N, C-alpha and C. Protein backbone atom coordinates (compact mmCIF):
# COMPACT_ATOMS: atom_id res chain seq x y z
N MET A 1 -8.61 -0.80 -3.30
CA MET A 1 -7.70 0.15 -2.69
C MET A 1 -7.68 -0.07 -1.17
N LYS A 2 -6.49 -0.05 -0.61
CA LYS A 2 -6.32 -0.26 0.83
C LYS A 2 -6.84 0.95 1.61
N LYS A 3 -7.57 0.67 2.69
CA LYS A 3 -8.05 1.76 3.55
C LYS A 3 -6.89 2.32 4.35
N ALA A 4 -6.88 3.63 4.50
CA ALA A 4 -5.86 4.27 5.35
C ALA A 4 -6.10 3.88 6.80
N SER A 5 -5.03 3.86 7.58
CA SER A 5 -5.14 3.51 9.00
C SER A 5 -5.04 4.77 9.86
N ILE A 6 -5.93 4.84 10.84
CA ILE A 6 -5.98 5.99 11.74
C ILE A 6 -5.97 5.50 13.17
N MET A 7 -5.09 6.06 13.98
CA MET A 7 -5.08 5.81 15.41
C MET A 7 -5.75 6.99 16.09
N ILE A 8 -6.71 6.70 16.93
CA ILE A 8 -7.43 7.73 17.68
C ILE A 8 -7.02 7.62 19.13
N CYS A 9 -6.54 8.73 19.69
CA CYS A 9 -6.13 8.75 21.09
C CYS A 9 -6.89 9.84 21.83
N ASP A 10 -7.81 9.41 22.68
CA ASP A 10 -8.57 10.34 23.52
C ASP A 10 -8.99 9.58 24.76
N ASP A 11 -8.89 10.21 25.92
CA ASP A 11 -9.27 9.53 27.15
C ASP A 11 -10.78 9.53 27.39
N GLU A 12 -11.54 10.23 26.56
CA GLU A 12 -13.00 10.26 26.70
C GLU A 12 -13.65 9.27 25.75
N THR A 13 -14.42 8.34 26.33
CA THR A 13 -15.11 7.33 25.54
C THR A 13 -16.03 7.96 24.51
N GLY A 14 -16.75 9.00 24.88
CA GLY A 14 -17.69 9.64 23.97
C GLY A 14 -17.03 10.20 22.73
N VAL A 15 -15.87 10.78 22.88
CA VAL A 15 -15.14 11.33 21.74
C VAL A 15 -14.68 10.20 20.83
N ARG A 16 -14.13 9.13 21.42
CA ARG A 16 -13.70 7.99 20.61
C ARG A 16 -14.87 7.40 19.84
N GLU A 17 -16.02 7.27 20.50
CA GLU A 17 -17.22 6.72 19.84
C GLU A 17 -17.70 7.63 18.72
N SER A 18 -17.68 8.93 18.94
CA SER A 18 -18.10 9.88 17.90
C SER A 18 -17.20 9.76 16.67
N LEU A 19 -15.90 9.72 16.90
CA LEU A 19 -14.97 9.60 15.78
C LEU A 19 -15.15 8.25 15.07
N LYS A 20 -15.42 7.22 15.83
CA LYS A 20 -15.68 5.90 15.23
C LYS A 20 -16.88 5.98 14.29
N LEU A 21 -17.96 6.56 14.74
CA LEU A 21 -19.17 6.67 13.91
C LEU A 21 -18.91 7.46 12.64
N ILE A 22 -18.09 8.49 12.75
CA ILE A 22 -17.81 9.36 11.60
C ILE A 22 -16.87 8.70 10.60
N LEU A 23 -15.90 7.92 11.08
CA LEU A 23 -14.79 7.47 10.23
C LEU A 23 -14.75 5.98 9.90
N GLU A 24 -15.45 5.14 10.65
CA GLU A 24 -15.24 3.69 10.53
C GLU A 24 -15.58 3.11 9.16
N ALA A 25 -16.48 3.71 8.42
CA ALA A 25 -16.85 3.17 7.11
C ALA A 25 -15.72 3.31 6.08
N ASP A 26 -14.88 4.32 6.26
CA ASP A 26 -13.87 4.64 5.25
C ASP A 26 -12.43 4.34 5.64
N TYR A 27 -12.18 4.07 6.92
CA TYR A 27 -10.80 3.92 7.38
C TYR A 27 -10.68 2.76 8.36
N ASN A 28 -9.47 2.21 8.48
CA ASN A 28 -9.16 1.22 9.51
C ASN A 28 -8.78 2.00 10.77
N LEU A 29 -9.55 1.81 11.83
CA LEU A 29 -9.36 2.59 13.06
C LEU A 29 -8.77 1.74 14.17
N SER A 30 -7.93 2.37 14.97
CA SER A 30 -7.40 1.78 16.21
C SER A 30 -7.56 2.84 17.29
N TYR A 31 -7.68 2.38 18.53
CA TYR A 31 -7.97 3.30 19.62
C TYR A 31 -7.01 3.08 20.79
N VAL A 32 -6.55 4.17 21.36
CA VAL A 32 -5.81 4.15 22.62
C VAL A 32 -6.36 5.28 23.48
N THR A 33 -6.07 5.22 24.77
CA THR A 33 -6.69 6.19 25.69
C THR A 33 -5.72 7.16 26.33
N HIS A 34 -4.42 6.93 26.16
CA HIS A 34 -3.43 7.81 26.80
C HIS A 34 -2.29 8.12 25.84
N GLY A 35 -1.63 9.22 26.08
CA GLY A 35 -0.52 9.64 25.23
C GLY A 35 0.60 8.63 25.14
N ARG A 36 0.95 8.01 26.27
CA ARG A 36 2.02 7.00 26.24
C ARG A 36 1.66 5.84 25.32
N ASP A 37 0.39 5.41 25.40
CA ASP A 37 -0.07 4.32 24.54
C ASP A 37 -0.02 4.74 23.07
N ALA A 38 -0.31 5.99 22.81
CA ALA A 38 -0.27 6.50 21.43
C ALA A 38 1.14 6.41 20.87
N VAL A 39 2.11 6.82 21.66
CA VAL A 39 3.51 6.79 21.20
C VAL A 39 3.92 5.34 20.93
N GLU A 40 3.59 4.44 21.83
CA GLU A 40 3.94 3.03 21.65
C GLU A 40 3.25 2.44 20.43
N TYR A 41 1.98 2.78 20.24
CA TYR A 41 1.23 2.27 19.09
C TYR A 41 1.88 2.73 17.78
N VAL A 42 2.20 4.00 17.71
CA VAL A 42 2.80 4.55 16.48
C VAL A 42 4.15 3.91 16.20
N LYS A 43 4.93 3.66 17.25
CA LYS A 43 6.23 3.00 17.07
C LYS A 43 6.05 1.63 16.41
N LYS A 44 5.04 0.89 16.86
CA LYS A 44 4.85 -0.49 16.39
C LYS A 44 4.09 -0.59 15.08
N HIS A 45 3.15 0.32 14.83
CA HIS A 45 2.22 0.14 13.72
C HIS A 45 2.28 1.22 12.64
N SER A 46 2.86 2.34 12.89
CA SER A 46 2.99 3.43 11.93
C SER A 46 1.70 3.71 11.14
N PRO A 47 0.66 4.22 11.81
CA PRO A 47 -0.58 4.54 11.10
C PRO A 47 -0.36 5.69 10.11
N ASP A 48 -1.29 5.84 9.20
CA ASP A 48 -1.21 6.95 8.25
C ASP A 48 -1.52 8.28 8.91
N LEU A 49 -2.40 8.24 9.92
CA LEU A 49 -2.83 9.45 10.62
C LEU A 49 -3.04 9.12 12.09
N ALA A 50 -2.63 10.04 12.95
CA ALA A 50 -2.92 9.93 14.38
C ALA A 50 -3.77 11.13 14.77
N ILE A 51 -4.87 10.83 15.46
CA ILE A 51 -5.72 11.89 16.00
C ILE A 51 -5.49 11.90 17.50
N LEU A 52 -4.99 13.02 18.02
CA LEU A 52 -4.60 13.12 19.42
C LEU A 52 -5.37 14.21 20.14
N ASP A 53 -5.92 13.87 21.29
CA ASP A 53 -6.50 14.87 22.17
C ASP A 53 -5.33 15.61 22.84
N ILE A 54 -5.51 16.87 23.11
CA ILE A 54 -4.42 17.62 23.75
C ILE A 54 -4.37 17.36 25.26
N LYS A 55 -5.54 17.38 25.90
CA LYS A 55 -5.55 17.23 27.36
C LYS A 55 -5.88 15.79 27.75
N MET A 56 -4.86 15.09 28.23
CA MET A 56 -5.01 13.70 28.67
C MET A 56 -4.13 13.46 29.88
N PRO A 57 -4.51 12.49 30.71
CA PRO A 57 -3.65 12.14 31.85
C PRO A 57 -2.42 11.36 31.38
N HIS A 58 -1.42 11.28 32.22
CA HIS A 58 -0.18 10.53 32.02
C HIS A 58 0.79 11.20 31.06
N LEU A 59 0.35 11.48 29.85
CA LEU A 59 1.20 12.16 28.87
C LEU A 59 0.24 12.95 27.98
N ASN A 60 0.32 14.27 28.04
CA ASN A 60 -0.65 15.07 27.27
C ASN A 60 -0.37 14.96 25.77
N GLY A 61 -1.32 15.43 24.99
CA GLY A 61 -1.23 15.31 23.55
C GLY A 61 -0.05 16.03 22.93
N LEU A 62 0.34 17.16 23.50
CA LEU A 62 1.49 17.89 22.95
C LEU A 62 2.79 17.12 23.16
N ASP A 63 2.93 16.51 24.33
CA ASP A 63 4.12 15.70 24.59
C ASP A 63 4.11 14.43 23.74
N ALA A 64 2.92 13.84 23.57
CA ALA A 64 2.80 12.66 22.71
C ALA A 64 3.15 13.03 21.27
N LEU A 65 2.66 14.18 20.82
CA LEU A 65 2.96 14.67 19.47
C LEU A 65 4.47 14.80 19.27
N ARG A 66 5.12 15.41 20.23
CA ARG A 66 6.58 15.60 20.17
C ARG A 66 7.30 14.25 20.03
N SER A 67 6.89 13.28 20.83
CA SER A 67 7.51 11.94 20.80
C SER A 67 7.21 11.21 19.50
N ILE A 68 5.98 11.30 19.03
CA ILE A 68 5.60 10.63 17.79
C ILE A 68 6.39 11.19 16.62
N LYS A 69 6.53 12.49 16.56
CA LYS A 69 7.26 13.11 15.45
C LYS A 69 8.75 12.72 15.47
N ARG A 70 9.28 12.42 16.65
CA ARG A 70 10.67 11.97 16.74
C ARG A 70 10.83 10.56 16.16
N VAL A 71 9.86 9.67 16.45
CA VAL A 71 10.01 8.28 16.00
C VAL A 71 9.42 8.02 14.62
N ARG A 72 8.39 8.77 14.24
CA ARG A 72 7.73 8.60 12.93
C ARG A 72 7.38 9.97 12.35
N PRO A 73 8.36 10.69 11.85
CA PRO A 73 8.12 12.06 11.41
C PRO A 73 7.11 12.20 10.27
N ARG A 74 6.87 11.12 9.51
CA ARG A 74 5.95 11.22 8.37
C ARG A 74 4.48 10.99 8.75
N VAL A 75 4.22 10.53 9.95
CA VAL A 75 2.83 10.30 10.36
C VAL A 75 2.11 11.64 10.45
N ARG A 76 0.97 11.74 9.79
CA ARG A 76 0.15 12.95 9.87
C ARG A 76 -0.52 13.00 11.24
N ILE A 77 -0.64 14.20 11.80
CA ILE A 77 -1.22 14.37 13.13
C ILE A 77 -2.34 15.40 13.08
N LEU A 78 -3.50 15.01 13.59
CA LEU A 78 -4.64 15.92 13.76
C LEU A 78 -4.90 16.01 15.26
N MET A 79 -4.73 17.20 15.81
CA MET A 79 -4.96 17.42 17.24
C MET A 79 -6.42 17.79 17.47
N ILE A 80 -6.97 17.35 18.59
CA ILE A 80 -8.31 17.77 18.98
C ILE A 80 -8.25 18.34 20.39
N THR A 81 -9.01 19.39 20.60
CA THR A 81 -8.99 20.05 21.89
C THR A 81 -10.35 20.60 22.25
N GLY A 82 -10.62 20.65 23.54
CA GLY A 82 -11.85 21.25 24.03
C GLY A 82 -11.67 22.73 24.31
N TYR A 83 -10.50 23.24 24.05
CA TYR A 83 -10.20 24.63 24.37
C TYR A 83 -9.99 25.44 23.10
N GLU A 84 -10.73 26.50 22.97
CA GLU A 84 -10.60 27.39 21.80
C GLU A 84 -9.47 28.37 22.09
N SER A 85 -8.25 27.86 22.01
CA SER A 85 -7.09 28.69 22.32
C SER A 85 -6.12 28.68 21.15
N SER A 86 -5.89 29.84 20.59
CA SER A 86 -4.95 29.91 19.48
C SER A 86 -3.52 29.60 19.95
N ASP A 87 -3.22 29.84 21.23
CA ASP A 87 -1.89 29.53 21.76
C ASP A 87 -1.62 28.03 21.68
N VAL A 88 -2.59 27.23 22.13
CA VAL A 88 -2.42 25.78 22.12
C VAL A 88 -2.35 25.28 20.69
N ALA A 89 -3.21 25.80 19.83
CA ALA A 89 -3.21 25.38 18.42
C ALA A 89 -1.89 25.71 17.75
N SER A 90 -1.39 26.92 17.96
CA SER A 90 -0.13 27.30 17.31
C SER A 90 1.04 26.51 17.89
N GLN A 91 0.97 26.20 19.18
CA GLN A 91 2.02 25.37 19.79
C GLN A 91 2.01 23.98 19.15
N ALA A 92 0.82 23.41 18.95
CA ALA A 92 0.71 22.08 18.33
C ALA A 92 1.26 22.12 16.90
N ILE A 93 0.92 23.14 16.15
CA ILE A 93 1.41 23.26 14.77
C ILE A 93 2.93 23.41 14.76
N ASN A 94 3.46 24.20 15.69
CA ASN A 94 4.92 24.38 15.78
C ASN A 94 5.64 23.08 16.13
N LEU A 95 4.96 22.19 16.85
CA LEU A 95 5.56 20.90 17.23
C LEU A 95 5.42 19.85 16.14
N GLY A 96 4.69 20.19 15.07
CA GLY A 96 4.60 19.26 13.96
C GLY A 96 3.21 18.75 13.64
N ALA A 97 2.19 19.20 14.37
CA ALA A 97 0.82 18.80 14.04
C ALA A 97 0.46 19.36 12.67
N ASP A 98 -0.34 18.62 11.93
CA ASP A 98 -0.72 19.06 10.59
C ASP A 98 -1.97 19.93 10.62
N ASP A 99 -2.82 19.73 11.62
CA ASP A 99 -4.04 20.52 11.73
C ASP A 99 -4.65 20.25 13.10
N TYR A 100 -5.73 20.95 13.41
CA TYR A 100 -6.42 20.71 14.68
C TYR A 100 -7.91 20.95 14.52
N LEU A 101 -8.66 20.34 15.43
CA LEU A 101 -10.11 20.49 15.52
C LEU A 101 -10.47 20.90 16.94
N THR A 102 -11.48 21.72 17.08
CA THR A 102 -11.95 22.10 18.41
C THR A 102 -13.24 21.34 18.71
N LYS A 103 -13.32 20.77 19.92
CA LYS A 103 -14.54 20.09 20.37
C LYS A 103 -15.54 21.16 20.80
N PRO A 104 -16.81 20.96 20.59
CA PRO A 104 -17.39 19.83 19.86
C PRO A 104 -17.19 20.02 18.36
N PHE A 105 -16.92 18.92 17.68
CA PHE A 105 -16.70 18.98 16.24
C PHE A 105 -17.90 18.36 15.52
N ASP A 106 -18.03 18.69 14.25
CA ASP A 106 -19.13 18.13 13.48
C ASP A 106 -18.58 17.14 12.46
N ARG A 107 -19.44 16.28 11.99
CA ARG A 107 -19.11 15.21 11.07
C ARG A 107 -18.33 15.71 9.85
N GLU A 108 -18.81 16.75 9.22
CA GLU A 108 -18.18 17.22 7.99
C GLU A 108 -16.80 17.81 8.22
N SER A 109 -16.61 18.50 9.33
CA SER A 109 -15.28 19.05 9.64
C SER A 109 -14.27 17.92 9.82
N VAL A 110 -14.67 16.89 10.55
CA VAL A 110 -13.76 15.76 10.78
C VAL A 110 -13.43 15.08 9.46
N ARG A 111 -14.45 14.74 8.70
CA ARG A 111 -14.24 14.03 7.42
C ARG A 111 -13.36 14.85 6.47
N SER A 112 -13.61 16.14 6.39
CA SER A 112 -12.86 17.01 5.49
C SER A 112 -11.39 17.10 5.90
N LYS A 113 -11.13 17.34 7.18
CA LYS A 113 -9.74 17.47 7.64
C LYS A 113 -8.98 16.15 7.48
N VAL A 114 -9.63 15.03 7.83
CA VAL A 114 -8.97 13.72 7.70
C VAL A 114 -8.65 13.44 6.24
N LYS A 115 -9.60 13.66 5.36
CA LYS A 115 -9.39 13.43 3.93
C LYS A 115 -8.23 14.29 3.40
N THR A 116 -8.22 15.56 3.74
CA THR A 116 -7.16 16.46 3.30
C THR A 116 -5.79 16.01 3.79
N LEU A 117 -5.70 15.65 5.06
CA LEU A 117 -4.41 15.24 5.61
C LEU A 117 -3.92 13.94 4.98
N LEU A 118 -4.82 13.01 4.73
CA LEU A 118 -4.41 11.75 4.12
C LEU A 118 -4.01 11.93 2.66
N GLU A 119 -4.67 12.84 1.98
CA GLU A 119 -4.27 13.11 0.59
C GLU A 119 -2.88 13.73 0.52
N ARG A 120 -2.54 14.53 1.53
CA ARG A 120 -1.20 15.15 1.57
C ARG A 120 -0.10 14.12 1.77
N SER A 121 -0.44 13.01 2.41
CA SER A 121 0.60 12.02 2.72
C SER A 121 0.81 11.02 1.59
N GLU A 122 0.01 11.09 0.53
CA GLU A 122 0.16 10.13 -0.58
C GLU A 122 1.37 10.48 -1.44
């Protein structure tokens, strides 16, 4: 069975490394560091899931989400944020995000949400 592809977009190396450790055994991972790069990556490669940080320089995660949904509406999106704000979460969901995680996240939460979102896209 082919491994699902996941693009991870976060400007923090530590977050990217954490997600790599949690997900690399089960999925094909790609990494970008800015929202603009995420949009370009999705246009060219159409991953099964995109994990986007909300707060990033150049193009924040909400704007990247909006652009990704315009070019690839079927790509599942999991937002991650360091802010426990229901306003930001509901805004992300209204823009088309499928779910969100709050940092710091734990291994099981990440694995569970990713698995659920990928099963929905089958």
